[in-house]
Amino acid sequence: MSLVLVQPTYFSTIAQYVAIVKSDQIIFEVEDNFQKQTYRNRCYINTANGKQLLNVPVQHKKGIKQKTKDIKIDYKDSWQKQHLKSLKTAYSASPFFEFYIDDLLPLFEKKYTYLLDLNLESHLLIMDALQLNIPFKKSENYITKTEYLDLRYLAIDKNKTTYNLERYIQVFEQNNGFISNLSILDLLFMEGPNAVNYL
């Protein structure tokens, strides 16, 4: 049985879903300390101007270590409206945008207190769209030694690893060339039900 250990991230990268699709069970690390500038609260989409960051603002106390599971979302700015507007601008011309957007809307309307709940909900929506049923559980303690495939590093945004993912057609490829390892949303809006075969 193949188990993968990953971070619950916001509309995770394609590389993370490549690993998830090949697994029998997912373990989400929730007992670690929150780190800024990771995919825990951000993702990248493809726009006319290139790669664009969608960032979920969080309430972070300076100098105090907080566990990922305890991080609260900051609603001072209407980030949900901004994210939805960005997605519509970037993908309304994509083949499968209309097919999936109604299922995604509740995520941008509900106010989640904790980042973890938002990330798990985004994961469930993606799994539903991919028509996959891979069980997951949350870690009960921080996992140090592991017999699982440890892919927590995939959540690091500053990771300079390049993922040689196969090309698929992207909306703004004429402007930007092919941009690898964006949010899973990019693949979903472009490939639709075929996204799971790509993964």
N, C-alpha and C. Protein backbone atom coordinates (compact mmCIF):
# COMPACT_ATOMS: atom_id res chain seq x y z
N MET A 1 0.85 -1.20 0.00
CA MET A 1 0.00 0.00 0.00
C MET A 1 0.88 1.24 0.00
N SER A 2 0.60 2.16 -0.90
CA SER A 2 1.46 3.35 -0.97
C SER A 2 0.79 4.53 -0.26
N LEU A 3 1.49 5.05 0.75
CA LEU A 3 1.00 6.20 1.51
C LEU A 3 1.90 7.39 1.23
N VAL A 4 1.28 8.55 0.96
CA VAL A 4 2.09 9.76 0.77
C VAL A 4 1.83 10.75 1.89
N LEU A 5 2.90 11.39 2.31
CA LEU A 5 2.82 12.40 3.36
C LEU A 5 3.01 13.76 2.70
N VAL A 6 1.97 14.58 2.74
CA VAL A 6 2.02 15.89 2.08
C VAL A 6 1.46 16.97 3.00
N GLN A 7 1.72 18.21 2.61
CA GLN A 7 1.13 19.36 3.31
C GLN A 7 -0.23 19.65 2.70
N PRO A 8 -1.21 20.01 3.53
CA PRO A 8 -2.46 20.51 2.94
C PRO A 8 -2.22 21.93 2.42
N THR A 9 -2.27 22.10 1.12
CA THR A 9 -1.98 23.40 0.51
C THR A 9 -3.20 23.92 -0.24
N TYR A 10 -3.15 25.17 -0.61
CA TYR A 10 -4.28 25.85 -1.26
C TYR A 10 -4.27 25.54 -2.75
N PHE A 11 -5.27 24.82 -3.23
CA PHE A 11 -5.32 24.39 -4.64
C PHE A 11 -3.92 23.98 -5.10
N SER A 12 -3.49 22.86 -4.55
CA SER A 12 -2.10 22.38 -4.67
C SER A 12 -1.55 22.37 -6.09
N THR A 13 -0.24 22.25 -6.14
CA THR A 13 0.45 22.20 -7.43
C THR A 13 0.15 20.89 -8.15
N ILE A 14 0.39 20.91 -9.45
CA ILE A 14 0.19 19.71 -10.26
C ILE A 14 1.13 18.60 -9.77
N ALA A 15 2.37 18.95 -9.43
CA ALA A 15 3.34 17.94 -8.95
C ALA A 15 2.79 17.20 -7.72
N GLN A 16 2.11 17.92 -6.83
CA GLN A 16 1.55 17.27 -5.64
C GLN A 16 0.45 16.29 -6.04
N TYR A 17 -0.37 16.67 -7.02
CA TYR A 17 -1.44 15.75 -7.44
C TYR A 17 -0.93 14.57 -8.25
N VAL A 18 0.21 14.73 -8.93
CA VAL A 18 0.82 13.59 -9.62
C VAL A 18 1.11 12.50 -8.58
N ALA A 19 1.64 12.92 -7.42
CA ALA A 19 1.97 11.97 -6.34
C ALA A 19 0.71 11.41 -5.69
N ILE A 20 -0.28 12.27 -5.47
CA ILE A 20 -1.52 11.85 -4.80
C ILE A 20 -2.25 10.79 -5.62
N VAL A 21 -2.32 11.00 -6.94
CA VAL A 21 -3.05 10.08 -7.82
C VAL A 21 -2.45 8.67 -7.78
N LYS A 22 -1.14 8.60 -7.54
CA LYS A 22 -0.46 7.29 -7.52
C LYS A 22 -0.52 6.61 -6.15
N SER A 23 -1.13 7.27 -5.17
CA SER A 23 -1.11 6.73 -3.80
C SER A 23 -2.42 6.03 -3.45
N ASP A 24 -2.36 5.24 -2.39
CA ASP A 24 -3.56 4.55 -1.88
C ASP A 24 -4.16 5.32 -0.70
N GLN A 25 -3.32 6.08 -0.04
CA GLN A 25 -3.80 6.89 1.09
C GLN A 25 -2.91 8.12 1.26
N ILE A 26 -3.55 9.21 1.71
CA ILE A 26 -2.84 10.47 1.90
C ILE A 26 -2.79 10.77 3.40
N ILE A 27 -1.64 11.19 3.85
CA ILE A 27 -1.54 11.70 5.23
C ILE A 27 -1.17 13.17 5.11
N PHE A 28 -2.02 14.02 5.67
CA PHE A 28 -1.75 15.45 5.67
C PHE A 28 -1.04 15.83 6.96
N GLU A 29 0.12 16.45 6.81
CA GLU A 29 0.88 16.92 7.98
C GLU A 29 0.24 18.21 8.48
N VAL A 30 -0.32 18.16 9.69
CA VAL A 30 -0.98 19.36 10.24
C VAL A 30 -0.36 19.80 11.56
N GLU A 31 0.61 19.02 12.03
CA GLU A 31 1.21 19.30 13.35
C GLU A 31 2.54 20.04 13.24
N ASP A 32 2.89 20.46 12.03
CA ASP A 32 4.14 21.17 11.84
C ASP A 32 3.95 22.65 12.16
N ASN A 33 5.05 23.40 12.24
CA ASN A 33 4.95 24.85 12.42
C ASN A 33 4.70 25.51 11.08
N PHE A 34 3.81 26.48 11.09
CA PHE A 34 3.48 27.20 9.86
C PHE A 34 4.69 27.97 9.36
N GLN A 35 4.91 27.92 8.05
CA GLN A 35 5.99 28.69 7.43
C GLN A 35 5.40 29.61 6.39
N LYS A 36 5.89 30.84 6.40
CA LYS A 36 5.42 31.79 5.38
C LYS A 36 6.00 31.44 4.02
N GLN A 37 5.42 32.04 3.00
CA GLN A 37 5.90 31.89 1.61
C GLN A 37 5.99 30.43 1.18
N THR A 38 4.95 29.69 1.52
CA THR A 38 4.84 28.31 1.05
C THR A 38 3.46 28.16 0.39
N TYR A 39 3.26 27.04 -0.25
CA TYR A 39 1.98 26.79 -0.90
C TYR A 39 0.85 26.53 0.11
N ARG A 40 1.17 26.54 1.40
CA ARG A 40 0.11 26.36 2.40
C ARG A 40 -1.01 27.39 2.19
N ASN A 41 -0.62 28.63 1.84
CA ASN A 41 -1.65 29.67 1.66
C ASN A 41 -1.50 30.42 0.33
N ARG A 42 -1.00 29.72 -0.69
CA ARG A 42 -0.87 30.38 -1.99
C ARG A 42 -0.87 29.35 -3.12
N CYS A 43 -1.20 29.84 -4.29
CA CYS A 43 -1.06 29.02 -5.50
C CYS A 43 -0.80 29.96 -6.66
N TYR A 44 -0.40 29.40 -7.79
CA TYR A 44 -0.11 30.20 -8.97
C TYR A 44 -1.03 29.78 -10.12
N ILE A 45 -1.53 30.79 -10.82
CA ILE A 45 -2.35 30.54 -11.99
C ILE A 45 -1.70 31.21 -13.20
N ASN A 46 -2.25 30.93 -14.37
CA ASN A 46 -1.70 31.42 -15.64
C ASN A 46 -2.59 32.54 -16.16
N THR A 47 -2.02 33.71 -16.36
CA THR A 47 -2.82 34.85 -16.84
C THR A 47 -2.17 35.43 -18.11
N ALA A 48 -2.84 36.39 -18.70
CA ALA A 48 -2.31 37.05 -19.91
C ALA A 48 -0.94 37.65 -19.64
N ASN A 49 -0.68 38.03 -18.38
CA ASN A 49 0.62 38.63 -18.02
C ASN A 49 1.61 37.62 -17.45
N GLY A 50 1.29 36.35 -17.56
CA GLY A 50 2.18 35.32 -17.02
C GLY A 50 1.67 34.73 -15.72
N LYS A 51 2.60 34.20 -14.95
CA LYS A 51 2.28 33.50 -13.71
C LYS A 51 1.79 34.50 -12.66
N GLN A 52 0.62 34.24 -12.07
CA GLN A 52 0.09 35.16 -11.05
C GLN A 52 -0.13 34.43 -9.73
N LEU A 53 0.28 35.09 -8.67
CA LEU A 53 0.14 34.55 -7.31
C LEU A 53 -1.26 34.84 -6.77
N LEU A 54 -1.90 33.82 -6.22
CA LEU A 54 -3.12 34.01 -5.43
C LEU A 54 -2.74 33.67 -3.99
N ASN A 55 -2.83 34.64 -3.13
CA ASN A 55 -2.37 34.49 -1.75
C ASN A 55 -3.55 34.60 -0.78
N VAL A 56 -3.65 33.65 0.14
CA VAL A 56 -4.68 33.72 1.19
C VAL A 56 -4.05 34.41 2.40
N PRO A 57 -4.52 35.62 2.77
CA PRO A 57 -3.91 36.30 3.92
C PRO A 57 -4.23 35.58 5.23
N VAL A 58 -3.23 35.48 6.08
CA VAL A 58 -3.44 34.79 7.36
C VAL A 58 -3.07 35.70 8.53
N GLN A 59 -3.65 35.37 9.67
CA GLN A 59 -3.32 36.09 10.90
C GLN A 59 -2.09 35.40 11.48
N HIS A 60 -0.96 36.09 11.42
CA HIS A 60 0.29 35.46 11.86
C HIS A 60 0.92 36.32 12.94
N LYS A 61 1.13 35.74 14.10
CA LYS A 61 1.73 36.50 15.19
C LYS A 61 3.24 36.50 15.04
N LYS A 62 3.83 37.68 15.00
CA LYS A 62 5.28 37.81 14.81
C LYS A 62 6.03 37.17 15.97
N GLY A 63 7.05 36.40 15.60
CA GLY A 63 7.93 35.82 16.62
C GLY A 63 7.33 34.67 17.40
N ILE A 64 6.10 34.29 17.09
CA ILE A 64 5.47 33.18 17.81
C ILE A 64 5.24 32.04 16.82
N LYS A 65 5.75 30.87 17.17
CA LYS A 65 5.54 29.72 16.29
C LYS A 65 4.11 29.23 16.46
N GLN A 66 3.45 29.05 15.33
CA GLN A 66 2.09 28.52 15.36
C GLN A 66 2.02 27.28 14.50
N LYS A 67 1.24 26.32 14.95
CA LYS A 67 1.07 25.12 14.14
C LYS A 67 0.19 25.44 12.94
N THR A 68 0.47 24.75 11.85
CA THR A 68 -0.31 24.94 10.63
C THR A 68 -1.81 24.84 10.91
N LYS A 69 -2.19 23.87 11.73
CA LYS A 69 -3.63 23.65 11.98
C LYS A 69 -4.28 24.79 12.77
N ASP A 70 -3.47 25.64 13.41
CA ASP A 70 -4.01 26.74 14.22
C ASP A 70 -4.05 28.08 13.49
N ILE A 71 -3.57 28.11 12.26
CA ILE A 71 -3.50 29.37 11.51
C ILE A 71 -4.89 29.81 11.06
N LYS A 72 -5.22 31.05 11.39
CA LYS A 72 -6.53 31.60 11.02
C LYS A 72 -6.40 32.49 9.78
N ILE A 73 -7.46 32.52 9.00
CA ILE A 73 -7.48 33.35 7.79
C ILE A 73 -7.85 34.78 8.16
N ASP A 74 -7.23 35.71 7.46
CA ASP A 74 -7.49 37.14 7.67
C ASP A 74 -8.45 37.64 6.59
N TYR A 75 -9.56 38.22 7.02
CA TYR A 75 -10.57 38.69 6.05
C TYR A 75 -10.62 40.22 5.94
N LYS A 76 -9.55 40.89 6.35
CA LYS A 76 -9.54 42.36 6.24
C LYS A 76 -9.78 42.82 4.80
N ASP A 77 -9.11 42.14 3.86
CA ASP A 77 -9.32 42.44 2.44
C ASP A 77 -10.22 41.35 1.85
N SER A 78 -10.98 41.69 0.85
CA SER A 78 -11.87 40.68 0.27
C SER A 78 -11.11 39.81 -0.73
N TRP A 79 -10.20 38.99 -0.18
CA TRP A 79 -9.34 38.15 -1.02
C TRP A 79 -10.15 37.12 -1.82
N GLN A 80 -11.26 36.65 -1.26
CA GLN A 80 -12.04 35.64 -1.98
C GLN A 80 -12.59 36.21 -3.30
N LYS A 81 -13.10 37.45 -3.22
CA LYS A 81 -13.59 38.12 -4.44
C LYS A 81 -12.45 38.31 -5.44
N GLN A 82 -11.28 38.70 -4.92
CA GLN A 82 -10.12 38.93 -5.80
C GLN A 82 -9.69 37.63 -6.49
N HIS A 83 -9.65 36.54 -5.71
CA HIS A 83 -9.24 35.25 -6.29
C HIS A 83 -10.23 34.80 -7.36
N LEU A 84 -11.50 34.94 -7.06
CA LEU A 84 -12.53 34.52 -8.01
C LEU A 84 -12.47 35.36 -9.28
N LYS A 85 -12.28 36.66 -9.10
CA LYS A 85 -12.18 37.56 -10.26
C LYS A 85 -10.96 37.18 -11.12
N SER A 86 -9.83 36.90 -10.46
CA SER A 86 -8.61 36.51 -11.17
C SER A 86 -8.82 35.21 -11.95
N LEU A 87 -9.50 34.25 -11.31
CA LEU A 87 -9.76 32.97 -11.99
C LEU A 87 -10.66 33.17 -13.20
N LYS A 88 -11.69 34.01 -13.05
CA LYS A 88 -12.61 34.27 -14.17
C LYS A 88 -11.87 34.96 -15.32
N THR A 89 -11.04 35.96 -14.97
CA THR A 89 -10.29 36.68 -16.00
C THR A 89 -9.33 35.74 -16.72
N ALA A 90 -8.66 34.88 -15.96
CA ALA A 90 -7.64 34.00 -16.54
C ALA A 90 -8.24 32.84 -17.33
N TYR A 91 -9.35 32.30 -16.84
CA TYR A 91 -9.79 31.01 -17.39
C TYR A 91 -11.18 30.98 -18.04
N SER A 92 -11.87 32.12 -18.10
CA SER A 92 -13.24 32.06 -18.66
C SER A 92 -13.24 31.54 -20.10
N ALA A 93 -12.11 31.69 -20.82
CA ALA A 93 -12.04 31.20 -22.20
C ALA A 93 -11.52 29.76 -22.28
N SER A 94 -11.21 29.16 -21.14
CA SER A 94 -10.67 27.79 -21.16
C SER A 94 -11.79 26.78 -21.40
N PRO A 95 -11.47 25.62 -21.97
CA PRO A 95 -12.51 24.67 -22.38
C PRO A 95 -13.44 24.20 -21.26
N PHE A 96 -12.92 24.07 -20.02
CA PHE A 96 -13.74 23.44 -18.97
C PHE A 96 -14.06 24.36 -17.80
N PHE A 97 -13.85 25.67 -17.97
CA PHE A 97 -14.12 26.61 -16.88
C PHE A 97 -15.58 26.53 -16.44
N GLU A 98 -16.49 26.63 -17.41
CA GLU A 98 -17.94 26.61 -17.10
C GLU A 98 -18.34 25.29 -16.45
N PHE A 99 -17.65 24.24 -16.80
CA PHE A 99 -17.96 22.90 -16.31
C PHE A 99 -17.71 22.77 -14.80
N TYR A 100 -16.67 23.47 -14.31
CA TYR A 100 -16.27 23.30 -12.90
C TYR A 100 -16.57 24.49 -11.99
N ILE A 101 -16.75 25.67 -12.55
CA ILE A 101 -16.77 26.87 -11.70
C ILE A 101 -17.90 26.85 -10.67
N ASP A 102 -19.06 26.33 -11.04
CA ASP A 102 -20.18 26.30 -10.07
C ASP A 102 -19.86 25.46 -8.84
N ASP A 103 -19.09 24.39 -9.02
CA ASP A 103 -18.70 23.56 -7.87
C ASP A 103 -17.68 24.27 -6.99
N LEU A 104 -16.90 25.16 -7.59
CA LEU A 104 -15.86 25.86 -6.83
C LEU A 104 -16.39 27.09 -6.10
N LEU A 105 -17.48 27.67 -6.61
CA LEU A 105 -18.00 28.93 -6.03
C LEU A 105 -18.19 28.92 -4.52
N PRO A 106 -18.78 27.85 -3.93
CA PRO A 106 -19.00 27.87 -2.47
C PRO A 106 -17.72 28.13 -1.67
N LEU A 107 -16.58 27.69 -2.20
CA LEU A 107 -15.31 27.89 -1.50
C LEU A 107 -14.97 29.38 -1.38
N PHE A 108 -15.44 30.17 -2.36
CA PHE A 108 -15.15 31.60 -2.35
C PHE A 108 -16.27 32.42 -1.69
N GLU A 109 -17.28 31.71 -1.21
CA GLU A 109 -18.40 32.39 -0.54
C GLU A 109 -18.42 32.12 0.96
N LYS A 110 -17.94 30.95 1.35
CA LYS A 110 -17.95 30.58 2.76
C LYS A 110 -16.73 31.18 3.47
N LYS A 111 -16.93 31.66 4.68
CA LYS A 111 -15.79 32.20 5.45
C LYS A 111 -15.26 31.10 6.37
N TYR A 112 -14.15 30.54 5.99
CA TYR A 112 -13.50 29.52 6.81
C TYR A 112 -12.67 30.23 7.88
N THR A 113 -12.73 29.75 9.10
CA THR A 113 -11.93 30.36 10.16
C THR A 113 -10.47 29.97 10.00
N TYR A 114 -10.25 28.67 9.77
CA TYR A 114 -8.88 28.15 9.72
C TYR A 114 -8.44 27.85 8.29
N LEU A 115 -7.18 28.16 8.02
CA LEU A 115 -6.58 27.87 6.72
C LEU A 115 -6.66 26.37 6.41
N LEU A 116 -6.45 25.55 7.42
CA LEU A 116 -6.48 24.10 7.21
C LEU A 116 -7.82 23.65 6.62
N ASP A 117 -8.92 24.21 7.15
CA ASP A 117 -10.25 23.82 6.66
C ASP A 117 -10.45 24.23 5.20
N LEU A 118 -9.96 25.42 4.87
CA LEU A 118 -10.04 25.89 3.49
C LEU A 118 -9.23 24.96 2.57
N ASN A 119 -8.03 24.60 2.99
CA ASN A 119 -7.17 23.76 2.16
C ASN A 119 -7.74 22.35 1.99
N LEU A 120 -8.30 21.80 3.05
CA LEU A 120 -8.89 20.46 2.94
C LEU A 120 -10.12 20.49 2.05
N GLU A 121 -10.88 21.57 2.14
CA GLU A 121 -12.07 21.72 1.27
C GLU A 121 -11.65 21.87 -0.18
N SER A 122 -10.58 22.63 -0.45
CA SER A 122 -10.11 22.77 -1.83
C SER A 122 -9.65 21.41 -2.35
N HIS A 123 -9.01 20.62 -1.50
CA HIS A 123 -8.57 19.27 -1.89
C HIS A 123 -9.77 18.38 -2.24
N LEU A 124 -10.78 18.42 -1.39
CA LEU A 124 -11.97 17.58 -1.63
C LEU A 124 -12.67 17.96 -2.94
N LEU A 125 -12.72 19.25 -3.22
CA LEU A 125 -13.34 19.71 -4.47
C LEU A 125 -12.55 19.20 -5.68
N ILE A 126 -11.24 19.24 -5.58
CA ILE A 126 -10.39 18.76 -6.69
C ILE A 126 -10.56 17.25 -6.86
N MET A 127 -10.56 16.52 -5.75
CA MET A 127 -10.71 15.06 -5.84
C MET A 127 -12.06 14.69 -6.46
N ASP A 128 -13.07 15.47 -6.12
CA ASP A 128 -14.39 15.25 -6.69
C ASP A 128 -14.37 15.53 -8.20
N ALA A 129 -13.73 16.62 -8.59
CA ALA A 129 -13.63 16.97 -10.01
C ALA A 129 -12.85 15.90 -10.78
N LEU A 130 -11.83 15.34 -10.14
CA LEU A 130 -11.02 14.30 -10.79
C LEU A 130 -11.68 12.92 -10.69
N GLN A 131 -12.78 12.87 -9.95
CA GLN A 131 -13.53 11.63 -9.70
C GLN A 131 -12.62 10.55 -9.08
N LEU A 132 -11.89 10.99 -8.08
CA LEU A 132 -10.99 10.09 -7.35
C LEU A 132 -11.44 9.97 -5.91
N ASN A 133 -11.29 8.78 -5.36
CA ASN A 133 -11.65 8.58 -3.96
C ASN A 133 -10.47 7.94 -3.25
N ILE A 134 -9.54 8.79 -2.84
CA ILE A 134 -8.35 8.31 -2.12
C ILE A 134 -8.48 8.81 -0.69
N PRO A 135 -8.58 7.89 0.28
CA PRO A 135 -8.79 8.33 1.67
C PRO A 135 -7.61 9.13 2.21
N PHE A 136 -7.92 10.03 3.14
CA PHE A 136 -6.84 10.78 3.78
C PHE A 136 -7.06 10.83 5.27
N LYS A 137 -5.98 11.04 5.98
CA LYS A 137 -6.09 11.32 7.43
C LYS A 137 -5.11 12.41 7.78
N LYS A 138 -5.34 13.04 8.93
CA LYS A 138 -4.46 14.11 9.39
C LYS A 138 -3.48 13.53 10.41
N SER A 139 -2.25 14.04 10.40
CA SER A 139 -1.25 13.56 11.37
C SER A 139 -1.70 13.93 12.78
N GLU A 140 -1.36 13.07 13.73
CA GLU A 140 -1.73 13.35 15.13
C GLU A 140 -0.56 13.95 15.89
N ASN A 141 0.64 13.68 15.41
CA ASN A 141 1.87 14.27 15.95
C ASN A 141 2.71 14.65 14.75
N TYR A 142 3.70 15.52 14.98
CA TYR A 142 4.60 15.85 13.86
C TYR A 142 5.37 14.59 13.48
N ILE A 143 5.35 14.26 12.22
CA ILE A 143 5.98 13.01 11.77
C ILE A 143 7.45 13.28 11.47
N THR A 144 8.33 12.57 12.21
CA THR A 144 9.77 12.75 11.99
C THR A 144 10.28 11.59 11.15
N LYS A 145 10.35 10.42 11.76
CA LYS A 145 10.75 9.25 10.96
C LYS A 145 9.51 8.75 10.24
N THR A 146 9.69 8.43 8.99
CA THR A 146 8.50 8.03 8.26
C THR A 146 8.75 6.86 7.32
N GLU A 147 7.80 5.95 7.31
CA GLU A 147 7.84 4.84 6.35
C GLU A 147 7.00 5.21 5.11
N TYR A 148 6.43 6.42 5.16
CA TYR A 148 5.64 6.89 4.02
C TYR A 148 6.55 7.59 3.02
N LEU A 149 6.01 7.83 1.84
CA LEU A 149 6.71 8.65 0.86
C LEU A 149 6.55 10.10 1.32
N ASP A 150 7.64 10.69 1.79
CA ASP A 150 7.57 12.03 2.41
C ASP A 150 7.72 13.10 1.33
N LEU A 151 6.60 13.74 1.01
CA LEU A 151 6.60 14.77 -0.04
C LEU A 151 6.23 16.14 0.51
N ARG A 152 6.51 16.35 1.79
CA ARG A 152 6.17 17.64 2.40
C ARG A 152 6.93 18.79 1.74
N TYR A 153 8.09 18.48 1.15
CA TYR A 153 8.90 19.53 0.49
C TYR A 153 8.17 20.16 -0.70
N LEU A 154 7.16 19.47 -1.23
CA LEU A 154 6.42 20.02 -2.38
C LEU A 154 5.67 21.31 -2.02
N ALA A 155 5.51 21.57 -0.72
CA ALA A 155 4.80 22.78 -0.29
C ALA A 155 5.70 24.01 -0.26
N ILE A 156 7.00 23.81 -0.50
CA ILE A 156 7.94 24.94 -0.41
C ILE A 156 7.94 25.69 -1.73
N ASP A 157 7.51 26.93 -1.67
CA ASP A 157 7.42 27.75 -2.88
C ASP A 157 8.80 28.15 -3.39
N LYS A 158 9.73 28.36 -2.46
CA LYS A 158 11.07 28.83 -2.86
C LYS A 158 11.93 27.68 -3.41
N ASN A 159 11.35 26.49 -3.39
CA ASN A 159 12.04 25.31 -3.90
C ASN A 159 12.35 25.53 -5.38
N LYS A 160 13.61 25.52 -5.72
CA LYS A 160 14.00 25.81 -7.11
C LYS A 160 13.95 24.57 -8.01
N THR A 161 13.38 23.50 -7.47
CA THR A 161 13.26 22.28 -8.27
C THR A 161 12.41 22.55 -9.51
N THR A 162 12.86 22.06 -10.63
CA THR A 162 12.01 22.18 -11.82
C THR A 162 11.40 20.81 -12.07
N TYR A 163 10.11 20.82 -12.29
CA TYR A 163 9.40 19.57 -12.52
C TYR A 163 9.17 19.42 -14.01
N ASN A 164 9.72 18.34 -14.55
CA ASN A 164 9.56 18.12 -15.98
C ASN A 164 8.21 17.48 -16.26
N LEU A 165 7.20 18.31 -16.13
CA LEU A 165 5.84 17.81 -16.38
C LEU A 165 5.56 17.93 -17.88
N GLU A 166 4.78 16.98 -18.36
CA GLU A 166 4.43 17.00 -19.79
C GLU A 166 3.65 18.25 -20.13
N ARG A 167 3.88 18.74 -21.32
CA ARG A 167 3.16 19.92 -21.77
C ARG A 167 1.70 19.57 -22.04
N TYR A 168 0.82 20.48 -21.70
CA TYR A 168 -0.58 20.41 -22.14
C TYR A 168 -0.89 21.81 -22.65
N ILE A 169 -1.95 21.97 -23.41
CA ILE A 169 -2.24 23.30 -23.98
C ILE A 169 -2.73 24.23 -22.87
N GLN A 170 -2.17 25.41 -22.80
CA GLN A 170 -2.57 26.42 -21.81
C GLN A 170 -3.16 27.63 -22.53
N VAL A 171 -4.04 28.34 -21.84
CA VAL A 171 -4.76 29.47 -22.45
C VAL A 171 -3.81 30.50 -23.05
N PHE A 172 -2.79 30.88 -22.29
CA PHE A 172 -1.93 31.98 -22.74
C PHE A 172 -0.56 31.49 -23.22
N GLU A 173 -0.54 30.30 -23.76
CA GLU A 173 0.74 29.71 -24.18
C GLU A 173 1.42 30.56 -25.26
N GLN A 174 0.63 31.18 -26.12
CA GLN A 174 1.21 32.04 -27.17
C GLN A 174 1.98 33.21 -26.56
N ASN A 175 1.45 33.75 -25.45
CA ASN A 175 2.12 34.88 -24.77
C ASN A 175 3.28 34.41 -23.91
N ASN A 176 3.02 33.36 -23.12
CA ASN A 176 3.92 33.01 -22.02
C ASN A 176 4.77 31.77 -22.24
N GLY A 177 4.50 31.02 -23.30
CA GLY A 177 5.12 29.70 -23.40
C GLY A 177 4.44 28.78 -22.40
N PHE A 178 4.90 27.55 -22.29
CA PHE A 178 4.31 26.60 -21.33
C PHE A 178 4.87 26.86 -19.94
N ILE A 179 3.99 27.04 -18.96
CA ILE A 179 4.43 27.23 -17.56
C ILE A 179 4.11 25.95 -16.80
N SER A 180 5.14 25.32 -16.28
CA SER A 180 4.99 24.02 -15.61
C SER A 180 4.60 24.19 -14.13
N ASN A 181 3.90 23.19 -13.63
CA ASN A 181 3.61 23.05 -12.19
C ASN A 181 2.85 24.23 -11.57
N LEU A 182 1.83 24.68 -12.27
CA LEU A 182 0.93 25.68 -11.70
C LEU A 182 -0.05 24.98 -10.75
N SER A 183 -1.03 25.72 -10.28
CA SER A 183 -2.09 25.11 -9.47
C SER A 183 -2.83 24.06 -10.30
N ILE A 184 -3.31 23.06 -9.63
CA ILE A 184 -4.11 22.00 -10.28
C ILE A 184 -5.29 22.60 -11.05
N LEU A 185 -5.75 23.78 -10.66
CA LEU A 185 -6.88 24.42 -11.34
C LEU A 185 -6.56 24.67 -12.81
N ASP A 186 -5.30 25.02 -13.10
CA ASP A 186 -4.91 25.29 -14.48
C ASP A 186 -5.13 24.05 -15.34
N LEU A 187 -4.68 22.91 -14.85
CA LEU A 187 -4.83 21.65 -15.57
C LEU A 187 -6.30 21.28 -15.72
N LEU A 188 -7.05 21.46 -14.64
CA LEU A 188 -8.46 21.10 -14.63
C LEU A 188 -9.27 21.91 -15.64
N PHE A 189 -9.04 23.22 -15.65
CA PHE A 189 -9.79 24.07 -16.59
C PHE A 189 -9.41 23.81 -18.04
N MET A 190 -8.19 23.34 -18.27
CA MET A 190 -7.74 23.09 -19.64
C MET A 190 -8.06 21.68 -20.13
N GLU A 191 -7.92 20.70 -19.24
CA GLU A 191 -8.04 19.30 -19.66
C GLU A 191 -9.34 18.63 -19.23
N GLY A 192 -10.03 19.21 -18.25
CA GLY A 192 -11.30 18.63 -17.81
C GLY A 192 -11.14 17.19 -17.33
N PRO A 193 -12.07 16.30 -17.69
CA PRO A 193 -12.01 14.91 -17.21
C PRO A 193 -10.72 14.19 -17.60
N ASN A 194 -10.03 14.70 -18.63
CA ASN A 194 -8.78 14.07 -19.05
C ASN A 194 -7.61 14.41 -18.09
N ALA A 195 -7.84 15.35 -17.17
CA ALA A 195 -6.77 15.76 -16.23
C ALA A 195 -6.23 14.56 -15.46
N VAL A 196 -7.11 13.65 -15.09
CA VAL A 196 -6.68 12.49 -14.29
C VAL A 196 -5.75 11.59 -15.10
N ASN A 197 -5.97 11.48 -16.40
CA ASN A 197 -5.07 10.70 -17.26
C ASN A 197 -3.71 11.38 -17.38
N TYR A 198 -3.75 12.70 -17.46
CA TYR A 198 -2.49 13.47 -17.51
C TYR A 198 -1.66 13.19 -16.26
N LEU A 199 -2.33 13.21 -15.09
CA LEU A 199 -1.64 13.02 -13.82
C LEU A 199 -1.07 11.61 -13.74
